[in-house]
Amino acid sequence: MLADLHPSVVLLDVQLPSLSGIEVCWWIRRQRHLADVPVILLGARTSQFEIDAGLLAGANHYVTKPITSAHITALVAHHLVGRPALPPPARVIIADSAD
């Protein structure tokens, strides 16, 4: 399922239910089609160890909570500036097999 995704930016919480956002970031960085996608980690933990772990996993930014919507908007906009626009989604044509 994730292999079919082509996001412009990934906004990822560090504390996910089953794995950590840091593990997901590490996985994203090892996928060829996602390797250049900016990753922004959001975390409630503010220890330098946690922040360093996120950045070493490949995150472009590690932002500690609480965070304002203006800050998130600015970070996302920063990473989208200069990136090529995504191509339009492919059209799916289902032919009638009765022909």
Protein backbone atom coordinates (compact mmCIF):
# COMPACT_ATOMS: atom_id res chain seq x y z
CA MET A 1 0.00 0.00 0.00
CA LEU A 2 2.70 2.53 0.94
CA ALA A 3 4.62 1.68 -2.21
CA ASP A 4 1.83 3.34 -4.20
CA LEU A 5 2.06 6.65 -2.33
CA HIS A 6 3.93 9.63 -3.78
CA PRO A 7 3.54 12.44 -1.22
CA SER A 8 5.06 15.90 -1.58
CA VAL A 9 5.84 16.06 2.14
CA VAL A 10 5.33 13.73 5.13
CA LEU A 11 4.15 15.09 8.48
CA LEU A 12 4.68 12.31 11.00
CA ASP A 13 3.96 12.02 14.72
CA VAL A 14 6.77 10.35 16.66
CA GLN A 15 4.39 8.49 18.99
CA LEU A 16 2.34 6.16 16.81
CA PRO A 17 0.34 3.25 18.24
CA SER A 18 2.37 0.32 16.90
CA LEU A 19 5.74 1.70 15.79
CA SER A 20 7.47 4.97 16.37
CA GLY A 21 7.45 7.74 13.82
CA ILE A 22 11.24 7.50 13.89
CA GLU A 23 11.01 3.90 12.63
CA VAL A 24 8.58 4.97 9.91
CA CYS A 25 10.93 7.80 8.91
CA TRP A 26 13.83 5.34 8.72
CA TRP A 27 11.70 3.08 6.48
CA ILE A 28 10.69 6.01 4.24
CA ARG A 29 14.33 6.94 3.69
CA ARG A 30 15.07 3.43 2.41
CA GLN A 31 12.34 3.51 -0.25
CA ARG A 32 13.71 4.73 -3.58
CA HIS A 33 10.55 6.55 -4.60
CA LEU A 34 10.30 8.30 -1.21
CA ALA A 35 13.98 9.00 -0.50
CA ASP A 36 13.77 12.69 -1.46
CA VAL A 37 10.40 13.44 0.14
CA PRO A 38 10.77 15.89 3.04
CA VAL A 39 9.84 14.38 6.42
CA ILE A 40 8.77 16.54 9.37
CA LEU A 41 8.57 14.73 12.72
CA LEU A 42 6.32 16.02 15.52
CA GLY A 43 7.09 14.88 19.03
CA ALA A 44 6.09 15.59 22.60
CA ARG A 45 9.46 14.38 23.84
CA THR A 46 12.02 17.14 23.97
CA SER A 47 15.17 15.24 24.95
CA GLN A 48 18.18 15.82 22.75
CA PHE A 49 18.48 12.04 22.35
CA GLU A 50 14.97 11.80 20.84
CA ILE A 51 15.55 14.77 18.53
CA ASP A 52 18.91 13.39 17.38
CA ALA A 53 17.36 9.96 16.76
CA GLY A 54 14.72 11.54 14.52
CA LEU A 55 17.25 13.54 12.55
CA LEU A 56 19.59 10.56 12.22
CA ALA A 57 16.66 8.52 10.88
CA GLY A 58 16.47 11.04 8.05
CA ALA A 59 13.91 13.62 9.15
CA ASN A 60 14.34 17.09 7.69
CA HIS A 61 12.91 18.66 10.85
CA TYR A 62 11.97 17.54 14.35
CA VAL A 63 9.41 19.87 15.90
CA THR A 64 8.41 19.61 19.55
CA LYS A 65 4.81 19.96 20.69
CA PRO A 66 2.89 22.08 21.34
CA ILE A 67 3.14 23.70 17.93
CA THR A 68 0.98 26.28 16.24
CA SER A 69 -0.79 25.70 12.96
CA ALA A 70 1.10 28.71 11.55
CA HIS A 71 4.43 27.00 12.33
CA ILE A 72 3.35 23.75 10.66
CA THR A 73 2.02 25.66 7.65
CA ALA A 74 5.31 27.55 7.31
CA LEU A 75 7.39 24.35 7.54
CA VAL A 76 5.30 22.54 4.96
CA ALA A 77 5.34 25.55 2.63
CA HIS A 78 9.12 25.80 3.04
CA HIS A 79 9.52 22.22 1.81
CA LEU A 80 7.06 22.59 -1.05
CA VAL A 81 8.68 25.72 -2.55
CA GLY A 82 10.72 24.82 -5.57
CA ARG A 83 9.50 21.22 -5.74
CA PRO A 84 8.05 20.17 -9.07
CA ALA A 85 4.29 19.86 -9.17
CA LEU A 86 2.92 16.37 -8.94
CA PRO A 87 1.62 14.96 -12.22
CA PRO A 88 -2.14 14.59 -12.46
CA PRO A 89 -3.44 11.19 -11.41
CA ALA A 90 -3.59 8.61 -14.17
CA ARG A 91 -6.96 7.98 -15.72
CA VAL A 92 -8.38 4.54 -15.27
CA ILE A 93 -10.43 3.19 -18.16
CA ILE A 94 -12.44 0.03 -17.59
CA ALA A 95 -13.45 -1.55 -20.86
CA ASP A 96 -16.68 -3.45 -21.07
CA SER A 97 -15.75 -7.08 -21.67
CA ALA A 98 -19.04 -7.68 -23.51
CA ASP A 99 -17.69 -5.97 -26.68
